[in-house]
Amino acid sequence: MYYFIMALINAVYVVLFLRVILSWFRVGTENPFVRIIYEMTEPILSPIRMLIEKSIFGGRKGGMILDISPLIAFILLQLLQNYVTMIMRYGN
């Protein structure tokens, strides 16, 4: 079970990383590969963006200048990975 959870977390890392790389280029969402990547990552990034917009970092008028939601998602995934490892190593 541990290896399955770790593989799932690592897969999410890869998909998020692909999303970040794709955001650097002008690739249209009509591309099926790009659409799948966006559809897989948007449920993760959208709630984080909403929390950022409600915070002082979201700004009042123009929204975010730089989208840091993938960075926060990477940090949360790392915390989740550490937590799962700790649970599996030391028990409840």
PDB file of N, CA and C in Angstrom:
ATOM      1  N   MET A   1       0.827  -1.195   0.000  1.00  0.00           N
ATOM      2  CA  MET A   1       0.000   0.000   0.000  1.00  0.00           C
ATOM      3  C   MET A   1       0.876   1.265   0.000  1.00  0.00           C
ATOM      4  N   TYR A   2       1.953   1.220   0.774  1.00  0.00           N
ATOM      5  CA  TYR A   2       2.865   2.360   0.875  1.00  0.00           C
ATOM      6  C   TYR A   2       3.424   2.722  -0.506  1.00  0.00           C
ATOM      7  N   TYR A   3       3.869   1.711  -1.245  1.00  0.00           N
ATOM      8  CA  TYR A   3       4.474   1.977  -2.546  1.00  0.00           C
ATOM      9  C   TYR A   3       3.450   2.508  -3.551  1.00  0.00           C
ATOM     10  N   PHE A   4       2.228   2.060  -3.443  1.00  0.00           N
ATOM     11  CA  PHE A   4       1.173   2.573  -4.314  1.00  0.00           C
ATOM     12  C   PHE A   4       0.917   4.061  -4.032  1.00  0.00           C
ATOM     13  N   ILE A   5       0.835   4.422  -2.753  1.00  0.00           N
ATOM     14  CA  ILE A   5       0.597   5.825  -2.383  1.00  0.00           C
ATOM     15  C   ILE A   5       1.767   6.694  -2.830  1.00  0.00           C
ATOM     16  N   MET A   6       2.983   6.208  -2.634  1.00  0.00           N
ATOM     17  CA  MET A   6       4.160   6.969  -3.056  1.00  0.00           C
ATOM     18  C   MET A   6       4.202   7.111  -4.582  1.00  0.00           C
ATOM     19  N   ALA A   7       3.829   6.057  -5.292  1.00  0.00           N
ATOM     20  CA  ALA A   7       3.798   6.133  -6.759  1.00  0.00           C
ATOM     21  C   ALA A   7       2.738   7.129  -7.219  1.00  0.00           C
ATOM     22  N   LEU A   8       1.603   7.159  -6.541  1.00  0.00           N
ATOM     23  CA  LEU A   8       0.547   8.109  -6.876  1.00  0.00           C
ATOM     24  C   LEU A   8       1.003   9.551  -6.632  1.00  0.00           C
ATOM     25  N   ILE A   9       1.639   9.783  -5.502  1.00  0.00           N
ATOM     26  CA  ILE A   9       2.149  11.129  -5.202  1.00  0.00           C
ATOM     27  C   ILE A   9       3.203  11.536  -6.223  1.00  0.00           C
ATOM     28  N   ASN A  10       4.087  10.607  -6.582  1.00  0.00           N
ATOM     29  CA  ASN A  10       5.117  10.924  -7.584  1.00  0.00           C
ATOM     30  C   ASN A  10       4.497  11.202  -8.951  1.00  0.00           C
ATOM     31  N   ALA A  11       3.426  10.502  -9.294  1.00  0.00           N
ATOM     32  CA  ALA A  11       2.736  10.768 -10.560  1.00  0.00           C
ATOM     33  C   ALA A  11       2.132  12.168 -10.559  1.00  0.00           C
ATOM     34  N   VAL A  12       1.579  12.576  -9.426  1.00  0.00           N
ATOM     35  CA  VAL A  12       1.023  13.931  -9.322  1.00  0.00           C
ATOM     36  C   VAL A  12       2.141  14.962  -9.456  1.00  0.00           C
ATOM     37  N   TYR A  13       3.314  14.690  -8.850  1.00  0.00           N
ATOM     38  CA  TYR A  13       4.473  15.568  -9.028  1.00  0.00           C
ATOM     39  C   TYR A  13       4.791  15.756 -10.510  1.00  0.00           C
ATOM     40  N   VAL A  14       4.844  14.665 -11.246  1.00  0.00           N
ATOM     41  CA  VAL A  14       5.214  14.715 -12.665  1.00  0.00           C
ATOM     42  C   VAL A  14       4.184  15.512 -13.466  1.00  0.00           C
ATOM     43  N   VAL A  15       2.911  15.256 -13.215  1.00  0.00           N
ATOM     44  CA  VAL A  15       1.857  15.949 -13.962  1.00  0.00           C
ATOM     45  C   VAL A  15       1.882  17.446 -13.641  1.00  0.00           C
ATOM     46  N   LEU A  16       2.079  17.798 -12.364  1.00  0.00           N
ATOM     47  CA  LEU A  16       2.179  19.221 -12.007  1.00  0.00           C
ATOM     48  C   LEU A  16       3.399  19.864 -12.661  1.00  0.00           C
ATOM     49  N   PHE A  17       4.503  19.141 -12.689  1.00  0.00           N
ATOM     50  CA  PHE A  17       5.709  19.669 -13.323  1.00  0.00           C
ATOM     51  C   PHE A  17       5.469  19.902 -14.812  1.00  0.00           C
ATOM     52  N   LEU A  18       4.784  18.961 -15.475  1.00  0.00           N
ATOM     53  CA  LEU A  18       4.447  19.152 -16.885  1.00  0.00           C
ATOM     54  C   LEU A  18       3.564  20.378 -17.078  1.00  0.00           C
ATOM     55  N   ARG A  19       2.632  20.593 -16.164  1.00  0.00           N
ATOM     56  CA  ARG A  19       1.755  21.769 -16.241  1.00  0.00           C
ATOM     57  C   ARG A  19       2.570  23.054 -16.140  1.00  0.00           C
ATOM     58  N   VAL A  20       3.544  23.066 -15.228  1.00  0.00           N
ATOM     59  CA  VAL A  20       4.390  24.251 -15.082  1.00  0.00           C
ATOM     60  C   VAL A  20       5.184  24.490 -16.365  1.00  0.00           C
ATOM     61  N   ILE A  21       5.775  23.442 -16.907  1.00  0.00           N
ATOM     62  CA  ILE A  21       6.558  23.577 -18.147  1.00  0.00           C
ATOM     63  C   ILE A  21       5.662  24.056 -19.290  1.00  0.00           C
ATOM     64  N   LEU A  22       4.465  23.497 -19.397  1.00  0.00           N
ATOM     65  CA  LEU A  22       3.547  23.916 -20.467  1.00  0.00           C
ATOM     66  C   LEU A  22       3.128  25.376 -20.316  1.00  0.00           C
ATOM     67  N   SER A  23       3.080  25.868 -19.091  1.00  0.00           N
ATOM     68  CA  SER A  23       2.669  27.258 -18.891  1.00  0.00           C
ATOM     69  C   SER A  23       3.726  28.246 -19.389  1.00  0.00           C
ATOM     70  N   TRP A  24       4.940  27.781 -19.588  1.00  0.00           N
ATOM     71  CA  TRP A  24       6.001  28.658 -20.096  1.00  0.00           C
ATOM     72  C   TRP A  24       5.895  28.880 -21.600  1.00  0.00           C
ATOM     73  N   PHE A  25       5.165  28.029 -22.291  1.00  0.00           N
ATOM     74  CA  PHE A  25       5.043  28.102 -23.737  1.00  0.00           C
ATOM     75  C   PHE A  25       3.596  28.393 -24.118  1.00  0.00           C
ATOM     76  N   ARG A  26       3.414  28.921 -25.286  1.00  0.00           N
ATOM     77  CA  ARG A  26       2.055  29.181 -25.771  1.00  0.00           C
ATOM     78  C   ARG A  26       1.545  27.952 -26.507  1.00  0.00           C
ATOM     79  N   VAL A  27       0.999  27.063 -25.722  1.00  0.00           N
ATOM     80  CA  VAL A  27       0.428  25.845 -26.282  1.00  0.00           C
ATOM     81  C   VAL A  27      -1.071  25.907 -26.040  1.00  0.00           C
ATOM     82  N   GLY A  28      -1.834  25.782 -27.092  1.00  0.00           N
ATOM     83  CA  GLY A  28      -3.276  25.883 -26.975  1.00  0.00           C
ATOM     84  C   GLY A  28      -3.882  24.680 -26.268  1.00  0.00           C
ATOM     85  N   THR A  29      -5.000  24.921 -25.623  1.00  0.00           N
ATOM     86  CA  THR A  29      -5.671  23.834 -24.911  1.00  0.00           C
ATOM     87  C   THR A  29      -6.452  22.922 -25.856  1.00  0.00           C
ATOM     88  N   GLU A  30      -6.416  23.206 -27.158  1.00  0.00           N
ATOM     89  CA  GLU A  30      -7.059  22.300 -28.103  1.00  0.00           C
ATOM     90  C   GLU A  30      -6.208  21.045 -28.325  1.00  0.00           C
ATOM     91  N   ASN A  31      -4.952  21.098 -27.932  1.00  0.00           N
ATOM     92  CA  ASN A  31      -4.081  19.932 -27.990  1.00  0.00           C
ATOM     93  C   ASN A  31      -4.560  18.914 -26.947  1.00  0.00           C
ATOM     94  N   PRO A  32      -4.833  17.672 -27.341  1.00  0.00           N
ATOM     95  CA  PRO A  32      -5.370  16.684 -26.392  1.00  0.00           C
ATOM     96  C   PRO A  32      -4.451  16.425 -25.197  1.00  0.00           C
ATOM     97  N   PHE A  33      -3.143  16.379 -25.419  1.00  0.00           N
ATOM     98  CA  PHE A  33      -2.199  16.158 -24.324  1.00  0.00           C
ATOM     99  C   PHE A  33      -2.264  17.300 -23.321  1.00  0.00           C
ATOM    100  N   VAL A  34      -2.270  18.513 -23.810  1.00  0.00           N
ATOM    101  CA  VAL A  34      -2.335  19.690 -22.946  1.00  0.00           C
ATOM    102  C   VAL A  34      -3.664  19.710 -22.190  1.00  0.00           C
ATOM    103  N   ARG A  35      -4.735  19.387 -22.867  1.00  0.00           N
ATOM    104  CA  ARG A  35      -6.049  19.380 -22.228  1.00  0.00           C
ATOM    105  C   ARG A  35      -6.096  18.359 -21.083  1.00  0.00           C
ATOM    106  N   ILE A  36      -5.532  17.181 -21.295  1.00  0.00           N
ATOM    107  CA  ILE A  36      -5.509  16.159 -20.238  1.00  0.00           C
ATOM    108  C   ILE A  36      -4.694  16.637 -19.042  1.00  0.00           C
ATOM    109  N   ILE A  37      -3.543  17.234 -19.305  1.00  0.00           N
ATOM    110  CA  ILE A  37      -2.695  17.736 -18.209  1.00  0.00           C
ATOM    111  C   ILE A  37      -3.452  18.801 -17.422  1.00  0.00           C
ATOM    112  N   TYR A  38      -4.099  19.729 -18.111  1.00  0.00           N
ATOM    113  CA  TYR A  38      -4.843  20.783 -17.423  1.00  0.00           C
ATOM    114  C   TYR A  38      -6.025  20.219 -16.648  1.00  0.00           C
ATOM    115  N   GLU A  39      -6.728  19.247 -17.220  1.00  0.00           N
ATOM    116  CA  GLU A  39      -7.869  18.656 -16.527  1.00  0.00           C
ATOM    117  C   GLU A  39      -7.441  17.867 -15.299  1.00  0.00           C
ATOM    118  N   MET A  40      -6.250  17.284 -15.333  1.00  0.00           N
ATOM    119  CA  MET A  40      -5.761  16.526 -14.184  1.00  0.00           C
ATOM    120  C   MET A  40      -5.258  17.429 -13.066  1.00  0.00           C
ATOM    121  N   THR A  41      -4.713  18.575 -13.412  1.00  0.00           N
ATOM    122  CA  THR A  41      -4.099  19.434 -12.396  1.00  0.00           C
ATOM    123  C   THR A  41      -5.023  20.529 -11.877  1.00  0.00           C
ATOM    124  N   GLU A  42      -6.021  20.891 -12.637  1.00  0.00           N
ATOM    125  CA  GLU A  42      -6.893  21.994 -12.216  1.00  0.00           C
ATOM    126  C   GLU A  42      -7.617  21.717 -10.900  1.00  0.00           C
ATOM    127  N   PRO A  43      -8.089  20.490 -10.628  1.00  0.00           N
ATOM    128  CA  PRO A  43      -8.712  20.248  -9.314  1.00  0.00           C
ATOM    129  C   PRO A  43      -7.754  20.422  -8.134  1.00  0.00           C
ATOM    130  N   ILE A  44      -6.466  20.323  -8.382  1.00  0.00           N
ATOM    131  CA  ILE A  44      -5.472  20.536  -7.329  1.00  0.00           C
ATOM    132  C   ILE A  44      -5.150  22.017  -7.194  1.00  0.00           C
ATOM    133  N   LEU A  45      -4.968  22.696  -8.328  1.00  0.00           N
ATOM    134  CA  LEU A  45      -4.499  24.075  -8.307  1.00  0.00           C
ATOM    135  C   LEU A  45      -5.611  25.096  -8.059  1.00  0.00           C
ATOM    136  N   SER A  46      -6.804  24.813  -8.504  1.00  0.00           N
ATOM    137  CA  SER A  46      -7.904  25.773  -8.365  1.00  0.00           C
ATOM    138  C   SER A  46      -8.215  26.143  -6.915  1.00  0.00           C
ATOM    139  N   PRO A  47      -8.346  25.177  -5.994  1.00  0.00           N
ATOM    140  CA  PRO A  47      -8.599  25.561  -4.596  1.00  0.00           C
ATOM    141  C   PRO A  47      -7.458  26.363  -3.984  1.00  0.00           C
ATOM    142  N   ILE A  48      -6.239  26.038  -4.379  1.00  0.00           N
ATOM    143  CA  ILE A  48      -5.085  26.786  -3.862  1.00  0.00           C
ATOM    144  C   ILE A  48      -5.136  28.220  -4.365  1.00  0.00           C
ATOM    145  N   ARG A  49      -5.468  28.407  -5.664  1.00  0.00           N
ATOM    146  CA  ARG A  49      -5.594  29.752  -6.220  1.00  0.00           C
ATOM    147  C   ARG A  49      -6.670  30.567  -5.508  1.00  0.00           C
ATOM    148  N   MET A  50      -7.795  29.925  -5.209  1.00  0.00           N
ATOM    149  CA  MET A  50      -8.875  30.640  -4.519  1.00  0.00           C
ATOM    150  C   MET A  50      -8.427  31.094  -3.130  1.00  0.00           C
ATOM    151  N   LEU A  51      -7.669  30.252  -2.431  1.00  0.00           N
ATOM    152  CA  LEU A  51      -7.162  30.645  -1.116  1.00  0.00           C
ATOM    153  C   LEU A  51      -6.159  31.783  -1.218  1.00  0.00           C
ATOM    154  N   ILE A  52      -5.326  31.744  -2.255  1.00  0.00           N
ATOM    155  CA  ILE A  52      -4.345  32.819  -2.450  1.00  0.00           C
ATOM    156  C   ILE A  52      -5.058  34.129  -2.765  1.00  0.00           C
ATOM    157  N   GLU A  53      -6.078  34.078  -3.609  1.00  0.00           N
ATOM    158  CA  GLU A  53      -6.807  35.292  -3.975  1.00  0.00           C
ATOM    159  C   GLU A  53      -7.502  35.915  -2.770  1.00  0.00           C
ATOM    160  N   LYS A  54      -7.932  35.093  -1.825  1.00  0.00           N
ATOM    161  CA  LYS A  54      -8.576  35.614  -0.624  1.00  0.00           C
ATOM    162  C   LYS A  54      -7.567  36.128   0.394  1.00  0.00           C
ATOM    163  N   SER A  55      -6.306  35.780   0.230  1.00  0.00           N
ATOM    164  CA  SER A  55      -5.281  36.216   1.171  1.00  0.00           C
ATOM    165  C   SER A  55      -4.715  37.575   0.746  1.00  0.00           C
ATOM    166  N   ILE A  56      -3.793  38.079   1.516  1.00  0.00           N
ATOM    167  CA  ILE A  56      -3.160  39.366   1.191  1.00  0.00           C
ATOM    168  C   ILE A  56      -2.258  39.268  -0.032  1.00  0.00           C
ATOM    169  N   PHE A  57      -1.883  38.042  -0.426  1.00  0.00           N
ATOM    170  CA  PHE A  57      -0.998  37.876  -1.570  1.00  0.00           C
ATOM    171  C   PHE A  57      -1.747  37.934  -2.892  1.00  0.00           C
ATOM    172  N   GLY A  58      -3.056  37.820  -2.848  1.00  0.00           N
ATOM    173  CA  GLY A  58      -3.849  37.818  -4.067  1.00  0.00           C
ATOM    174  C   GLY A  58      -4.063  39.186  -4.658  1.00  0.00           C
ATOM    175  N   GLY A  59      -3.803  40.204  -3.885  1.00  0.00           N
ATOM    176  CA  GLY A  59      -4.029  41.550  -4.386  1.00  0.00           C
ATOM    177  C   GLY A  59      -5.497  41.902  -4.365  1.00  0.00           C
ATOM    178  N   ARG A  60      -5.797  43.167  -4.494  1.00  0.00           N
ATOM    179  CA  ARG A  60      -7.182  43.610  -4.426  1.00  0.00           C
ATOM    180  C   ARG A  60      -7.797  43.828  -5.793  1.00  0.00           C
ATOM    181  N   LYS A  61      -7.003  44.236  -6.789  1.00  0.00           N
ATOM    182  CA  LYS A  61      -7.608  44.592  -8.072  1.00  0.00           C
ATOM    183  C   LYS A  61      -7.249  43.610  -9.176  1.00  0.00           C
ATOM    184  N   GLY A  62      -5.995  43.513  -9.503  1.00  0.00           N
ATOM    185  CA  GLY A  62      -5.599  42.772 -10.701  1.00  0.00           C
ATOM    186  C   GLY A  62      -5.396  41.287 -10.518  1.00  0.00           C
ATOM    187  N   GLY A  63      -5.523  40.763  -9.335  1.00  0.00           N
ATOM    188  CA  GLY A  63      -5.263  39.348  -9.112  1.00  0.00           C
ATOM    189  C   GLY A  63      -3.779  39.095  -8.967  1.00  0.00           C
ATOM    190  N   MET A  64      -3.402  37.864  -9.135  1.00  0.00           N
ATOM    191  CA  MET A  64      -2.005  37.483  -8.939  1.00  0.00           C
ATOM    192  C   MET A  64      -1.169  37.859 -10.154  1.00  0.00           C
ATOM    193  N   ILE A  65       0.006  38.387  -9.886  1.00  0.00           N
ATOM    194  CA  ILE A  65       0.947  38.663 -10.962  1.00  0.00           C
ATOM    195  C   ILE A  65       1.646  37.376 -11.372  1.00  0.00           C
ATOM    196  N   LEU A  66       1.996  36.579 -10.374  1.00  0.00           N
ATOM    197  CA  LEU A  66       2.685  35.314 -10.590  1.00  0.00           C
ATOM    198  C   LEU A  66       1.881  34.210  -9.917  1.00  0.00           C
ATOM    199  N   ASP A  67       1.579  33.172 -10.637  1.00  0.00           N
ATOM    200  CA  ASP A  67       0.795  32.059 -10.088  1.00  0.00           C
ATOM    201  C   ASP A  67       1.723  31.142  -9.300  1.00  0.00           C
ATOM    202  N   ILE A  68       1.616  31.208  -7.987  1.00  0.00           N
ATOM    203  CA  ILE A  68       2.460  30.374  -7.136  1.00  0.00           C
ATOM    204  C   ILE A  68       1.728  29.124  -6.655  1.00  0.00           C
ATOM    205  N   SER A  69       0.542  28.875  -7.183  1.00  0.00           N
ATOM    206  CA  SER A  69      -0.214  27.701  -6.743  1.00  0.00           C
ATOM    207  C   SER A  69       0.515  26.380  -7.011  1.00  0.00           C
ATOM    208  N   PRO A  70       1.249  26.210  -8.117  1.00  0.00           N
ATOM    209  CA  PRO A  70       2.001  24.952  -8.267  1.00  0.00           C
ATOM    210  C   PRO A  70       3.083  24.794  -7.194  1.00  0.00           C
ATOM    211  N   LEU A  71       3.724  25.881  -6.824  1.00  0.00           N
ATOM    212  CA  LEU A  71       4.742  25.810  -5.775  1.00  0.00           C
ATOM    213  C   LEU A  71       4.127  25.362  -4.455  1.00  0.00           C
ATOM    214  N   ILE A  72       2.978  25.911  -4.126  1.00  0.00           N
ATOM    215  CA  ILE A  72       2.289  25.516  -2.899  1.00  0.00           C
ATOM    216  C   ILE A  72       1.839  24.062  -2.998  1.00  0.00           C
ATOM    217  N   ALA A  73       1.387  23.643  -4.171  1.00  0.00           N
ATOM    218  CA  ALA A  73       0.978  22.247  -4.363  1.00  0.00           C
ATOM    219  C   ALA A  73       2.170  21.309  -4.173  1.00  0.00           C
ATOM    220  N   PHE A  74       3.344  21.695  -4.676  1.00  0.00           N
ATOM    221  CA  PHE A  74       4.542  20.874  -4.475  1.00  0.00           C
ATOM    222  C   PHE A  74       4.885  20.759  -2.991  1.00  0.00           C
ATOM    223  N   ILE A  75       4.770  21.851  -2.277  1.00  0.00           N
ATOM    224  CA  ILE A  75       5.057  21.832  -0.837  1.00  0.00           C
ATOM    225  C   ILE A  75       4.055  20.938  -0.106  1.00  0.00           C
ATOM    226  N   LEU A  76       2.781  21.054  -0.447  1.00  0.00           N
ATOM    227  CA  LEU A  76       1.757  20.217   0.190  1.00  0.00           C
ATOM    228  C   LEU A  76       1.959  18.739  -0.134  1.00  0.00           C
ATOM    229  N   LEU A  77       2.341  18.446  -1.352  1.00  0.00           N
ATOM    230  CA  LEU A  77       2.620  17.053  -1.717  1.00  0.00           C
ATOM    231  C   LEU A  77       3.814  16.507  -0.937  1.00  0.00           C
ATOM    232  N   GLN A  78       4.822  17.336  -0.747  1.00  0.00           N
ATOM    233  CA  GLN A  78       5.989  16.902   0.023  1.00  0.00           C
ATOM    234  C   GLN A  78       5.599  16.632   1.475  1.00  0.00           C
ATOM    235  N   LEU A  79       4.761  17.498   2.040  1.00  0.00           N
ATOM    236  CA  LEU A  79       4.284  17.275   3.405  1.00  0.00           C
ATOM    237  C   LEU A  79       3.466  15.990   3.491  1.00  0.00           C
ATOM    238  N   LEU A  80       2.620  15.744   2.506  1.00  0.00           N
ATOM    239  CA  LEU A  80       1.828  14.519   2.473  1.00  0.00           C
ATOM    240  C   LEU A  80       2.729  13.295   2.366  1.00  0.00           C
ATOM    241  N   GLN A  81       3.731  13.383   1.519  1.00  0.00           N
ATOM    242  CA  GLN A  81       4.668  12.279   1.355  1.00  0.00           C
ATOM    243  C   GLN A  81       5.411  12.000   2.663  1.00  0.00           C
ATOM    244  N   ASN A  82       5.843  13.052   3.346  1.00  0.00           N
ATOM    245  CA  ASN A  82       6.523  12.884   4.630  1.00  0.00           C
ATOM    246  C   ASN A  82       5.597  12.274   5.671  1.00  0.00           C
ATOM    247  N   TYR A  83       4.346  12.697   5.682  1.00  0.00           N
ATOM    248  CA  TYR A  83       3.372  12.183   6.638  1.00  0.00           C
ATOM    249  C   TYR A  83       3.111  10.699   6.402  1.00  0.00           C
ATOM    250  N   VAL A  84       2.910  10.316   5.142  1.00  0.00           N
ATOM    251  CA  VAL A  84       2.664   8.908   4.820  1.00  0.00           C
ATOM    252  C   VAL A  84       3.879   8.063   5.206  1.00  0.00           C
ATOM    253  N   THR A  85       5.071   8.554   4.927  1.00  0.00           N
ATOM    254  CA  THR A  85       6.286   7.827   5.300  1.00  0.00           C
ATOM    255  C   THR A  85       6.375   7.664   6.810  1.00  0.00           C
ATOM    256  N   MET A  86       6.071   8.720   7.537  1.00  0.00           N
ATOM    257  CA  MET A  86       6.130   8.651   8.998  1.00  0.00           C
ATOM    258  C   MET A  86       5.104   7.658   9.537  1.00  0.00           C
ATOM    259  N   ILE A  87       3.884   7.669   8.991  1.00  0.00           N
ATOM    260  CA  ILE A  87       2.845   6.736   9.432  1.00  0.00           C
ATOM    261  C   ILE A  87       3.281   5.289   9.157  1.00  0.00           C
ATOM    262  N   MET A  88       3.824   5.055   7.980  1.00  0.00           N
ATOM    263  CA  MET A  88       4.227   3.691   7.634  1.00  0.00           C
ATOM    264  C   MET A  88       5.431   3.226   8.437  1.00  0.00           C
ATOM    265  N   ARG A  89       6.297   4.142   8.791  1.00  0.00           N
ATOM    266  CA  ARG A  89       7.501   3.772   9.530  1.00  0.00           C
ATOM    267  C   ARG A  89       7.227   3.572  11.008  1.00  0.00           C
ATOM    268  N   TYR A  90       6.463   4.488  11.600  1.00  0.00           N
ATOM    269  CA  TYR A  90       6.278   4.464  13.050  1.00  0.00           C
ATOM    270  C   TYR A  90       4.885   4.036  13.491  1.00  0.00           C
ATOM    271  N   GLY A  91       3.985   3.813  12.581  1.00  0.00           N
ATOM    272  CA  GLY A  91       2.626   3.424  12.937  1.00  0.00           C
ATOM    273  C   GLY A  91       1.797   4.639  13.304  1.00  0.00           C
ATOM    274  N   ASN A  92       0.675   4.405  13.943  1.00  0.00           N
ATOM    275  CA  ASN A  92      -0.225   5.501  14.296  1.00  0.00           C
ATOM    276  C   ASN A  92       0.404   6.298  15.386  1.00  0.00           C
TER     277      ASN A  92
END
